[in-house]
Amino acid sequence: MDINETIKSQLSDNPVILYMKGSPQAPQCGFSAKTVQALMACGERFAFVNILDNQELREALKVYSSWPTYPQLYVNGELVGGCDIVLEMSESGELAKIVKDAAKQAEA
């Protein structure tokens, strides 16, 4: 499977997925750690991919998303954004709404 197919598969298989440095239990950068905290506060499960484990994926995702930095949060296959956007959405309550809606759709 080519790397873009891998990305598309990951996005379609996971309603909420975070491409990050490290893992939720052991983030490898402060931005990933803050994003994980905001996601965990939503109370729903989410998938993650440690982009440090796969250099090809790390570079391809930047092109795929037209977003140069990590972390990158996707909900229902759409790029939500990086740390700053996720934190703003968390503060406004919008993040919890879209994450909970995606989780409900996945259960249906």
PDB file of N, CA and C in Angstrom:
ATOM      1  N   MET A   1       0.849  -1.175   0.000  1.00  0.00           N
ATOM      2  CA  MET A   1       0.000   0.000   0.000  1.00  0.00           C
ATOM      3  C   MET A   1       0.896   1.239   0.000  1.00  0.00           C
ATOM      4  N   ASP A   2       0.583   2.203  -0.859  1.00  0.00           N
ATOM      5  CA  ASP A   2       1.400   3.412  -0.896  1.00  0.00           C
ATOM      6  C   ASP A   2       1.047   4.300   0.304  1.00  0.00           C
ATOM      7  N   ILE A   3       1.907   5.235   0.627  1.00  0.00           N
ATOM      8  CA  ILE A   3       1.773   6.001   1.868  1.00  0.00           C
ATOM      9  C   ILE A   3       0.496   6.840   1.888  1.00  0.00           C
ATOM     10  N   ASN A   4       0.065   7.376   0.747  1.00  0.00           N
ATOM     11  CA  ASN A   4      -1.185   8.137   0.719  1.00  0.00           C
ATOM     12  C   ASN A   4      -2.381   7.235   0.962  1.00  0.00           C
ATOM     13  N   GLU A   5      -2.309   6.005   0.475  1.00  0.00           N
ATOM     14  CA  GLU A   5      -3.380   5.035   0.753  1.00  0.00           C
ATOM     15  C   GLU A   5      -3.405   4.695   2.243  1.00  0.00           C
ATOM     16  N   THR A   6      -2.246   4.594   2.843  1.00  0.00           N
ATOM     17  CA  THR A   6      -2.161   4.338   4.287  1.00  0.00           C
ATOM     18  C   THR A   6      -2.832   5.470   5.061  1.00  0.00           C
ATOM     19  N   ILE A   7      -2.532   6.707   4.684  1.00  0.00           N
ATOM     20  CA  ILE A   7      -3.133   7.865   5.348  1.00  0.00           C
ATOM     21  C   ILE A   7      -4.651   7.831   5.182  1.00  0.00           C
ATOM     22  N   LYS A   8      -5.115   7.628   3.958  1.00  0.00           N
ATOM     23  CA  LYS A   8      -6.562   7.591   3.709  1.00  0.00           C
ATOM     24  C   LYS A   8      -7.231   6.487   4.512  1.00  0.00           C
ATOM     25  N   SER A   9      -6.586   5.345   4.608  1.00  0.00           N
ATOM     26  CA  SER A   9      -7.120   4.223   5.381  1.00  0.00           C
ATOM     27  C   SER A   9      -7.203   4.577   6.866  1.00  0.00           C
ATOM     28  N   GLN A  10      -6.153   5.177   7.392  1.00  0.00           N
ATOM     29  CA  GLN A  10      -6.162   5.573   8.802  1.00  0.00           C
ATOM     30  C   GLN A  10      -7.276   6.578   9.074  1.00  0.00           C
ATOM     31  N   LEU A  11      -7.461   7.521   8.177  1.00  0.00           N
ATOM     32  CA  LEU A  11      -8.493   8.540   8.362  1.00  0.00           C
ATOM     33  C   LEU A  11      -9.890   7.948   8.268  1.00  0.00           C
ATOM     34  N   SER A  12     -10.095   6.999   7.355  1.00  0.00           N
ATOM     35  CA  SER A  12     -11.426   6.418   7.220  1.00  0.00           C
ATOM     36  C   SER A  12     -11.744   5.423   8.330  1.00  0.00           C
ATOM     37  N   ASP A  13     -10.719   4.789   8.891  1.00  0.00           N
ATOM     38  CA  ASP A  13     -10.933   3.785   9.946  1.00  0.00           C
ATOM     39  C   ASP A  13     -11.099   4.390  11.336  1.00  0.00           C
ATOM     40  N   ASN A  14     -10.735   5.652  11.509  1.00  0.00           N
ATOM     41  CA  ASN A  14     -10.732   6.267  12.832  1.00  0.00           C
ATOM     42  C   ASN A  14     -11.458   7.613  12.805  1.00  0.00           C
ATOM     43  N   PRO A  15     -12.609   7.709  13.469  1.00  0.00           N
ATOM     44  CA  PRO A  15     -13.349   8.975  13.429  1.00  0.00           C
ATOM     45  C   PRO A  15     -12.579  10.142  14.049  1.00  0.00           C
ATOM     46  N   VAL A  16     -11.752   9.858  15.043  1.00  0.00           N
ATOM     47  CA  VAL A  16     -10.912  10.891  15.657  1.00  0.00           C
ATOM     48  C   VAL A  16      -9.494  10.316  15.722  1.00  0.00           C
ATOM     49  N   ILE A  17      -8.572  10.977  15.024  1.00  0.00           N
ATOM     50  CA  ILE A  17      -7.190  10.494  15.003  1.00  0.00           C
ATOM     51  C   ILE A  17      -6.238  11.677  15.117  1.00  0.00           C
ATOM     52  N   LEU A  18      -5.235  11.486  15.948  1.00  0.00           N
ATOM     53  CA  LEU A  18      -4.228  12.514  16.176  1.00  0.00           C
ATOM     54  C   LEU A  18      -2.880  12.003  15.682  1.00  0.00           C
ATOM     55  N   TYR A  19      -2.304  12.744  14.766  1.00  0.00           N
ATOM     56  CA  TYR A  19      -0.928  12.477  14.331  1.00  0.00           C
ATOM     57  C   TYR A  19      -0.051  13.339  15.223  1.00  0.00           C
ATOM     58  N   MET A  20       0.795  12.691  16.006  1.00  0.00           N
ATOM     59  CA  MET A  20       1.528  13.403  17.044  1.00  0.00           C
ATOM     60  C   MET A  20       2.947  12.887  17.184  1.00  0.00           C
ATOM     61  N   LYS A  21       3.722  13.603  17.966  1.00  0.00           N
ATOM     62  CA  LYS A  21       5.070  13.154  18.316  1.00  0.00           C
ATOM     63  C   LYS A  21       4.969  12.421  19.643  1.00  0.00           C
ATOM     64  N   GLY A  22       5.210  11.108  19.596  1.00  0.00           N
ATOM     65  CA  GLY A  22       5.096  10.275  20.786  1.00  0.00           C
ATOM     66  C   GLY A  22       3.732   9.620  20.866  1.00  0.00           C
ATOM     67  N   SER A  23       3.317   9.307  22.094  1.00  0.00           N
ATOM     68  CA  SER A  23       2.024   8.676  22.334  1.00  0.00           C
ATOM     69  C   SER A  23       1.282   9.489  23.389  1.00  0.00           C
ATOM     70  N   PRO A  24      -0.030   9.260  23.539  1.00  0.00           N
ATOM     71  CA  PRO A  24      -0.754  10.003  24.570  1.00  0.00           C
ATOM     72  C   PRO A  24      -0.160   9.801  25.973  1.00  0.00           C
ATOM     73  N   GLN A  25       0.370   8.614  26.237  1.00  0.00           N
ATOM     74  CA  GLN A  25       0.966   8.336  27.542  1.00  0.00           C
ATOM     75  C   GLN A  25       2.367   8.939  27.682  1.00  0.00           C
ATOM     76  N   ALA A  26       3.033   9.162  26.556  1.00  0.00           N
ATOM     77  CA  ALA A  26       4.399   9.694  26.580  1.00  0.00           C
ATOM     78  C   ALA A  26       4.623  10.631  25.392  1.00  0.00           C
ATOM     79  N   PRO A  27       3.981  11.809  25.415  1.00  0.00           N
ATOM     80  CA  PRO A  27       4.178  12.764  24.313  1.00  0.00           C
ATOM     81  C   PRO A  27       5.643  13.182  24.224  1.00  0.00           C
ATOM     82  N   GLN A  28       6.110  13.404  23.003  1.00  0.00           N
ATOM     83  CA  GLN A  28       7.512  13.767  22.787  1.00  0.00           C
ATOM     84  C   GLN A  28       7.703  15.259  22.515  1.00  0.00           C
ATOM     85  N   CYS A  29       6.630  16.039  22.623  1.00  0.00           N
ATOM     86  CA  CYS A  29       6.762  17.497  22.525  1.00  0.00           C
ATOM     87  C   CYS A  29       5.610  18.143  23.282  1.00  0.00           C
ATOM     88  N   GLY A  30       5.811  19.378  23.682  1.00  0.00           N
ATOM     89  CA  GLY A  30       4.804  20.091  24.461  1.00  0.00           C
ATOM     90  C   GLY A  30       3.508  20.314  23.716  1.00  0.00           C
ATOM     91  N   PHE A  31       3.593  20.564  22.407  1.00  0.00           N
ATOM     92  CA  PHE A  31       2.386  20.804  21.628  1.00  0.00           C
ATOM     93  C   PHE A  31       1.532  19.541  21.556  1.00  0.00           C
ATOM     94  N   SER A  32       2.181  18.401  21.378  1.00  0.00           N
ATOM     95  CA  SER A  32       1.448  17.132  21.365  1.00  0.00           C
ATOM     96  C   SER A  32       0.822  16.877  22.741  1.00  0.00           C
ATOM     97  N   ALA A  33       1.556  17.175  23.804  1.00  0.00           N
ATOM     98  CA  ALA A  33       1.047  16.959  25.161  1.00  0.00           C
ATOM     99  C   ALA A  33      -0.200  17.808  25.415  1.00  0.00           C
ATOM    100  N   LYS A  34      -0.177  19.074  25.028  1.00  0.00           N
ATOM    101  CA  LYS A  34      -1.332  19.957  25.233  1.00  0.00           C
ATOM    102  C   LYS A  34      -2.530  19.497  24.415  1.00  0.00           C
ATOM    103  N   THR A  35      -2.267  19.044  23.188  1.00  0.00           N
ATOM    104  CA  THR A  35      -3.354  18.582  22.326  1.00  0.00           C
ATOM    105  C   THR A  35      -3.988  17.324  22.906  1.00  0.00           C
ATOM    106  N   VAL A  36      -3.173  16.401  23.391  1.00  0.00           N
ATOM    107  CA  VAL A  36      -3.679  15.180  24.023  1.00  0.00           C
ATOM    108  C   VAL A  36      -4.541  15.526  25.237  1.00  0.00           C
ATOM    109  N   GLN A  37      -4.087  16.463  26.060  1.00  0.00           N
ATOM    110  CA  GLN A  37      -4.860  16.861  27.238  1.00  0.00           C
ATOM    111  C   GLN A  37      -6.238  17.387  26.829  1.00  0.00           C
ATOM    112  N   ALA A  38      -6.268  18.215  25.798  1.00  0.00           N
ATOM    113  CA  ALA A  38      -7.546  18.763  25.328  1.00  0.00           C
ATOM    114  C   ALA A  38      -8.460  17.652  24.815  1.00  0.00           C
ATOM    115  N   LEU A  39      -7.884  16.699  24.070  1.00  0.00           N
ATOM    116  CA  LEU A  39      -8.682  15.580  23.557  1.00  0.00           C
ATOM    117  C   LEU A  39      -9.187  14.683  24.685  1.00  0.00           C
ATOM    118  N   MET A  40      -8.339  14.387  25.638  1.00  0.00           N
ATOM    119  CA  MET A  40      -8.735  13.522  26.750  1.00  0.00           C
ATOM    120  C   MET A  40      -9.857  14.159  27.568  1.00  0.00           C
ATOM    121  N   ALA A  41      -9.860  15.475  27.656  1.00  0.00           N
ATOM    122  CA  ALA A  41     -10.908  16.178  28.392  1.00  0.00           C
ATOM    123  C   ALA A  41     -12.278  16.002  27.740  1.00  0.00           C
ATOM    124  N   CYS A  42     -12.295  15.610  26.468  1.00  0.00           N
ATOM    125  CA  CYS A  42     -13.567  15.376  25.768  1.00  0.00           C
ATOM    126  C   CYS A  42     -14.228  14.076  26.223  1.00  0.00           C
ATOM    127  N   GLY A  43     -13.441  13.176  26.798  1.00  0.00           N
ATOM    128  CA  GLY A  43     -13.995  11.944  27.331  1.00  0.00           C
ATOM    129  C   GLY A  43     -14.303  10.863  26.315  1.00  0.00           C
ATOM    130  N   GLU A  44     -13.787  10.979  25.122  1.00  0.00           N
ATOM    131  CA  GLU A  44     -14.012   9.973  24.077  1.00  0.00           C
ATOM    132  C   GLU A  44     -12.685   9.354  23.665  1.00  0.00           C
ATOM    133  N   ARG A  45     -12.775   8.127  23.167  1.00  0.00           N
ATOM    134  CA  ARG A  45     -11.572   7.465  22.676  1.00  0.00           C
ATOM    135  C   ARG A  45     -11.121   8.114  21.378  1.00  0.00           C
ATOM    136  N   PHE A  46      -9.818   8.104  21.163  1.00  0.00           N
ATOM    137  CA  PHE A  46      -9.274   8.595  19.901  1.00  0.00           C
ATOM    138  C   PHE A  46      -8.063   7.761  19.532  1.00  0.00           C
ATOM    139  N   ALA A  47      -7.827   7.670  18.249  1.00  0.00           N
ATOM    140  CA  ALA A  47      -6.655   6.955  17.747  1.00  0.00           C
ATOM    141  C   ALA A  47      -5.495   7.944  17.648  1.00  0.00           C
ATOM    142  N   PHE A  48      -4.293   7.398  17.612  1.00  0.00           N
ATOM    143  CA  PHE A  48      -3.129   8.255  17.419  1.00  0.00           C
ATOM    144  C   PHE A  48      -2.112   7.511  16.581  1.00  0.00           C
ATOM    145  N   VAL A  49      -1.260   8.286  15.929  1.00  0.00           N
ATOM    146  CA  VAL A  49      -0.125   7.750  15.190  1.00  0.00           C
ATOM    147  C   VAL A  49       1.093   8.554  15.622  1.00  0.00           C
ATOM    148  N   ASN A  50       2.123   7.843  16.065  1.00  0.00           N
ATOM    149  CA  ASN A  50       3.385   8.483  16.427  1.00  0.00           C
ATOM    150  C   ASN A  50       4.168   8.705  15.134  1.00  0.00           C
ATOM    151  N   ILE A  51       4.205   9.937  14.682  1.00  0.00           N
ATOM    152  CA  ILE A  51       4.867  10.224  13.404  1.00  0.00           C
ATOM    153  C   ILE A  51       6.384  10.101  13.493  1.00  0.00           C
ATOM    154  N   LEU A  52       6.909  10.021  14.701  1.00  0.00           N
ATOM    155  CA  LEU A  52       8.356   9.832  14.853  1.00  0.00           C
ATOM    156  C   LEU A  52       8.777   8.412  14.477  1.00  0.00           C
ATOM    157  N   ASP A  53       7.810   7.482  14.459  1.00  0.00           N
ATOM    158  CA  ASP A  53       8.100   6.091  14.112  1.00  0.00           C
ATOM    159  C   ASP A  53       8.161   5.844  12.607  1.00  0.00           C
ATOM    160  N   ASN A  54       7.713   6.809  11.800  1.00  0.00           N
ATOM    161  CA  ASN A  54       7.617   6.576  10.368  1.00  0.00           C
ATOM    162  C   ASN A  54       7.928   7.878   9.627  1.00  0.00           C
ATOM    163  N   GLN A  55       9.171   8.029   9.209  1.00  0.00           N
ATOM    164  CA  GLN A  55       9.606   9.255   8.530  1.00  0.00           C
ATOM    165  C   GLN A  55       8.848   9.478   7.218  1.00  0.00           C
ATOM    166  N   GLU A  56       8.568   8.403   6.484  1.00  0.00           N
ATOM    167  CA  GLU A  56       7.836   8.542   5.219  1.00  0.00           C
ATOM    168  C   GLU A  56       6.440   9.108   5.474  1.00  0.00           C
ATOM    169  N   LEU A  57       5.747   8.575   6.462  1.00  0.00           N
ATOM    170  CA  LEU A  57       4.416   9.066   6.815  1.00  0.00           C
ATOM    171  C   LEU A  57       4.492  10.520   7.286  1.00  0.00           C
ATOM    172  N   ARG A  58       5.486  10.807   8.094  1.00  0.00           N
ATOM    173  CA  ARG A  58       5.661  12.159   8.635  1.00  0.00           C
ATOM    174  C   ARG A  58       5.754  13.193   7.515  1.00  0.00           C
ATOM    175  N   GLU A  59       6.531  12.901   6.495  1.00  0.00           N
ATOM    176  CA  GLU A  59       6.692  13.836   5.378  1.00  0.00           C
ATOM    177  C   GLU A  59       5.475  13.844   4.460  1.00  0.00           C
ATOM    178  N   ALA A  60       4.912  12.672   4.184  1.00  0.00           N
ATOM    179  CA  ALA A  60       3.760  12.585   3.278  1.00  0.00           C
ATOM    180  C   ALA A  60       2.531  13.279   3.848  1.00  0.00           C
ATOM    181  N   LEU A  61       2.337  13.193   5.152  1.00  0.00           N
ATOM    182  CA  LEU A  61       1.158  13.802   5.761  1.00  0.00           C
ATOM    183  C   LEU A  61       1.208  15.321   5.663  1.00  0.00           C
ATOM    184  N   LYS A  62       2.393  15.904   5.732  1.00  0.00           N
ATOM    185  CA  LYS A  62       2.530  17.350   5.567  1.00  0.00           C
ATOM    186  C   LYS A  62       2.019  17.788   4.196  1.00  0.00           C
ATOM    187  N   VAL A  63       2.328  16.992   3.178  1.00  0.00           N
ATOM    188  CA  VAL A  63       1.884  17.289   1.817  1.00  0.00           C
ATOM    189  C   VAL A  63       0.385  17.023   1.704  1.00  0.00           C
ATOM    190  N   TYR A  64      -0.050  15.883   2.218  1.00  0.00           N
ATOM    191  CA  TYR A  64      -1.464  15.476   2.143  1.00  0.00           C
ATOM    192  C   TYR A  64      -2.364  16.548   2.766  1.00  0.00           C
ATOM    193  N   SER A  65      -1.962  17.058   3.924  1.00  0.00           N
ATOM    194  CA  SER A  65      -2.803  17.990   4.667  1.00  0.00           C
ATOM    195  C   SER A  65      -2.543  19.455   4.333  1.00  0.00           C
ATOM    196  N   SER A  66      -1.437  19.744   3.654  1.00  0.00           N
ATOM    197  CA  SER A  66      -0.970  21.123   3.456  1.00  0.00           C
ATOM    198  C   SER A  66      -0.799  21.819   4.805  1.00  0.00           C
ATOM    199  N   TRP A  67      -0.377  21.042   5.797  1.00  0.00           N
ATOM    200  CA  TRP A  67      -0.148  21.572   7.151  1.00  0.00           C
ATOM    201  C   TRP A  67       1.269  21.161   7.541  1.00  0.00           C
ATOM    202  N   PRO A  68       2.159  22.124   7.803  1.00  0.00           N
ATOM    203  CA  PRO A  68       3.582  21.791   7.940  1.00  0.00           C
ATOM    204  C   PRO A  68       4.031  21.270   9.306  1.00  0.00           C
ATOM    205  N   THR A  69       3.179  21.362  10.319  1.00  0.00           N
ATOM    206  CA  THR A  69       3.626  21.038  11.674  1.00  0.00           C
ATOM    207  C   THR A  69       2.784  19.940  12.314  1.00  0.00           C
ATOM    208  N   TYR A  70       3.285  19.436  13.436  1.00  0.00           N
ATOM    209  CA  TYR A  70       2.580  18.428  14.228  1.00  0.00           C
ATOM    210  C   TYR A  70       2.411  18.959  15.638  1.00  0.00           C
ATOM    211  N   PRO A  71       1.348  18.559  16.297  1.00  0.00           N
ATOM    212  CA  PRO A  71       0.372  17.531  15.952  1.00  0.00           C
ATOM    213  C   PRO A  71      -0.642  18.016  14.906  1.00  0.00           C
ATOM    214  N   GLN A  72      -1.348  17.025  14.322  1.00  0.00           N
ATOM    215  CA  GLN A  72      -2.451  17.282  13.402  1.00  0.00           C
ATOM    216  C   GLN A  72      -3.633  16.432  13.857  1.00  0.00           C
ATOM    217  N   LEU A  73      -4.762  17.082  14.121  1.00  0.00           N
ATOM    218  CA  LEU A  73      -5.972  16.383  14.537  1.00  0.00           C
ATOM    219  C   LEU A  73      -6.950  16.304  13.376  1.00  0.00           C
ATOM    220  N   TYR A  74      -7.461  15.098  13.152  1.00  0.00           N
ATOM    221  CA  TYR A  74      -8.485  14.871  12.135  1.00  0.00           C
ATOM    222  C   TYR A  74      -9.736  14.330  12.811  1.00  0.00           C
ATOM    223  N   VAL A  75     -10.891  14.851  12.398  1.00  0.00           N
ATOM    224  CA  VAL A  75     -12.172  14.342  12.864  1.00  0.00           C
ATOM    225  C   VAL A  75     -13.005  14.044  11.622  1.00  0.00           C
ATOM    226  N   ASN A  76     -13.482  12.819  11.542  1.00  0.00           N
ATOM    227  CA  ASN A  76     -14.246  12.357  10.376  1.00  0.00           C
ATOM    228  C   ASN A  76     -13.504  12.614   9.066  1.00  0.00           C
ATOM    229  N   GLY A  77     -12.198  12.360   9.080  1.00  0.00           N
ATOM    230  CA  GLY A  77     -11.387  12.474   7.870  1.00  0.00           C
ATOM    231  C   GLY A  77     -10.994  13.883   7.481  1.00  0.00           C
ATOM    232  N   GLU A  78     -11.440  14.880   8.249  1.00  0.00           N
ATOM    233  CA  GLU A  78     -11.138  16.275   7.936  1.00  0.00           C
ATOM    234  C   GLU A  78     -10.109  16.823   8.920  1.00  0.00           C
ATOM    235  N   LEU A  79      -9.145  17.555   8.401  1.00  0.00           N
ATOM    236  CA  LEU A  79      -8.148  18.188   9.253  1.00  0.00           C
ATOM    237  C   LEU A  79      -8.812  19.277  10.084  1.00  0.00           C
ATOM    238  N   VAL A  80      -8.694  19.158  11.398  1.00  0.00           N
ATOM    239  CA  VAL A  80      -9.188  20.201  12.308  1.00  0.00           C
ATOM    240  C   VAL A  80      -8.110  21.259  12.478  1.00  0.00           C
ATOM    241  N   GLY A  81      -6.879  20.810  12.720  1.00  0.00           N
ATOM    242  CA  GLY A  81      -5.763  21.736  12.854  1.00  0.00           C
ATOM    243  C   GLY A  81      -4.733  21.220  13.828  1.00  0.00           C
ATOM    244  N   GLY A  82      -3.878  22.136  14.245  1.00  0.00           N
ATOM    245  CA  GLY A  82      -2.808  21.800  15.169  1.00  0.00           C
ATOM    246  C   GLY A  82      -3.134  22.232  16.582  1.00  0.00           C
ATOM    247  N   CYS A  83      -2.117  22.318  17.396  1.00  0.00           N
ATOM    248  CA  CYS A  83      -2.267  22.581  18.824  1.00  0.00           C
ATOM    249  C   CYS A  83      -3.056  23.860  19.111  1.00  0.00           C
ATOM    250  N   ASP A  84      -2.686  24.976  18.514  1.00  0.00           N
ATOM    251  CA  ASP A  84      -3.349  26.244  18.825  1.00  0.00           C
ATOM    252  C   ASP A  84      -4.839  26.193  18.511  1.00  0.00           C
ATOM    253  N   ILE A  85      -5.188  25.647  17.365  1.00  0.00           N
ATOM    254  CA  ILE A  85      -6.592  25.557  16.971  1.00  0.00           C
ATOM    255  C   ILE A  85      -7.346  24.623  17.907  1.00  0.00           C
ATOM    256  N   VAL A  86      -6.749  23.478  18.223  1.00  0.00           N
ATOM    257  CA  VAL A  86      -7.387  22.518  19.128  1.00  0.00           C
ATOM    258  C   VAL A  86      -7.614  23.155  20.500  1.00  0.00           C
ATOM    259  N   LEU A  87      -6.646  23.892  21.011  1.00  0.00           N
ATOM    260  CA  LEU A  87      -6.801  24.528  22.326  1.00  0.00           C
ATOM    261  C   LEU A  87      -7.889  25.600  22.298  1.00  0.00           C
ATOM    262  N   GLU A  88      -7.950  26.383  21.234  1.00  0.00           N
ATOM    263  CA  GLU A  88      -9.025  27.378  21.104  1.00  0.00           C
ATOM    264  C   GLU A  88     -10.385  26.701  21.074  1.00  0.00           C
ATOM    265  N   MET A  89     -10.488  25.619  20.308  1.00  0.00           N
ATOM    266  CA  MET A  89     -11.755  24.894  20.208  1.00  0.00           C
ATOM    267  C   MET A  89     -12.124  24.246  21.541  1.00  0.00           C
ATOM    268  N   SER A  90     -11.125  23.799  22.274  1.00  0.00           N
ATOM    269  CA  SER A  90     -11.360  23.203  23.581  1.00  0.00           C
ATOM    270  C   SER A  90     -11.937  24.242  24.540  1.00  0.00           C
ATOM    271  N   GLU A  91     -11.357  25.426  24.540  1.00  0.00           N
ATOM    272  CA  GLU A  91     -11.812  26.497  25.424  1.00  0.00           C
ATOM    273  C   GLU A  91     -13.234  26.934  25.106  1.00  0.00           C
ATOM    274  N   SER A  92     -13.595  26.920  23.825  1.00  0.00           N
ATOM    275  CA  SER A  92     -14.935  27.364  23.424  1.00  0.00           C
ATOM    276  C   SER A  92     -15.989  26.266  23.569  1.00  0.00           C
ATOM    277  N   GLY A  93     -15.538  25.018  23.787  1.00  0.00           N
ATOM    278  CA  GLY A  93     -16.473  23.903  23.871  1.00  0.00           C
ATOM    279  C   GLY A  93     -16.725  23.217  22.532  1.00  0.00           C
ATOM    280  N   GLU A  94     -16.215  23.796  21.462  1.00  0.00           N
ATOM    281  CA  GLU A  94     -16.446  23.252  20.126  1.00  0.00           C
ATOM    282  C   GLU A  94     -15.750  21.901  19.925  1.00  0.00           C
ATOM    283  N   LEU A  95     -14.571  21.734  20.518  1.00  0.00           N
ATOM    284  CA  LEU A  95     -13.831  20.477  20.355  1.00  0.00           C
ATOM    285  C   LEU A  95     -14.623  19.309  20.928  1.00  0.00           C
ATOM    286  N   ALA A  96     -15.127  19.460  22.147  1.00  0.00           N
ATOM    287  CA  ALA A  96     -15.899  18.383  22.772  1.00  0.00           C
ATOM    288  C   ALA A  96     -17.104  18.028  21.913  1.00  0.00           C
ATOM    289  N   LYS A  97     -17.763  19.024  21.345  1.00  0.00           N
ATOM    290  CA  LYS A  97     -18.942  18.761  20.521  1.00  0.00           C
ATOM    291  C   LYS A  97     -18.581  17.935  19.286  1.00  0.00           C
ATOM    292  N   ILE A  98     -17.552  18.341  18.548  1.00  0.00           N
ATOM    293  CA  ILE A  98     -17.248  17.604  17.316  1.00  0.00           C
ATOM    294  C   ILE A  98     -16.705  16.208  17.616  1.00  0.00           C
ATOM    295  N   VAL A  99     -15.944  16.069  18.704  1.00  0.00           N
ATOM    296  CA  VAL A  99     -15.402  14.758  19.066  1.00  0.00           C
ATOM    297  C   VAL A  99     -16.523  13.828  19.513  1.00  0.00           C
ATOM    298  N   LYS A 100     -17.436  14.324  20.329  1.00  0.00           N
ATOM    299  CA  LYS A 100     -18.562  13.506  20.788  1.00  0.00           C
ATOM    300  C   LYS A 100     -19.478  13.137  19.620  1.00  0.00           C
ATOM    301  N   ASP A 101     -19.715  14.082  18.710  1.00  0.00           N
ATOM    302  CA  ASP A 101     -20.539  13.793  17.532  1.00  0.00           C
ATOM    303  C   ASP A 101     -19.897  12.710  16.667  1.00  0.00           C
ATOM    304  N   ALA A 102     -18.585  12.788  16.486  1.00  0.00           N
ATOM    305  CA  ALA A 102     -17.875  11.786  15.682  1.00  0.00           C
ATOM    306  C   ALA A 102     -17.956  10.418  16.361  1.00  0.00           C
ATOM    307  N   ALA A 103     -17.842  10.374  17.685  1.00  0.00           N
ATOM    308  CA  ALA A 103     -17.920   9.107  18.416  1.00  0.00           C
ATOM    309  C   ALA A 103     -19.310   8.502  18.287  1.00  0.00           C
ATOM    310  N   LYS A 104     -20.344   9.330  18.377  1.00  0.00           N
ATOM    311  CA  LYS A 104     -21.726   8.836  18.223  1.00  0.00           C
ATOM    312  C   LYS A 104     -21.953   8.270  16.829  1.00  0.00           C
ATOM    313  N   GLN A 105     -21.462   8.969  15.809  1.00  0.00           N
ATOM    314  CA  GLN A 105     -21.613   8.497  14.429  1.00  0.00           C
ATOM    315  C   GLN A 105     -20.905   7.171  14.233  1.00  0.00           C
ATOM    316  N   ALA A 106     -19.776   7.006  14.869  1.00  0.00           N
ATOM    317  CA  ALA A 106     -18.997   5.770  14.727  1.00  0.00           C
ATOM    318  C   ALA A 106     -19.724   4.597  15.364  1.00  0.00           C
ATOM    319  N   GLU A 107     -20.471   4.861  16.436  1.00  0.00           N
ATOM    320  CA  GLU A 107     -21.208   3.805  17.118  1.00  0.00           C
ATOM    321  C   GLU A 107     -22.441   3.366  16.335  1.00  0.00           C
ATOM    322  N   ALA A 108     -22.987   4.292  15.537  1.00  0.00           N
ATOM    323  CA  ALA A 108     -24.242   4.022  14.820  1.00  0.00           C
ATOM    324  C   ALA A 108     -24.070   3.008  13.712  1.00  0.00           C
TER     325      ALA A 108
END
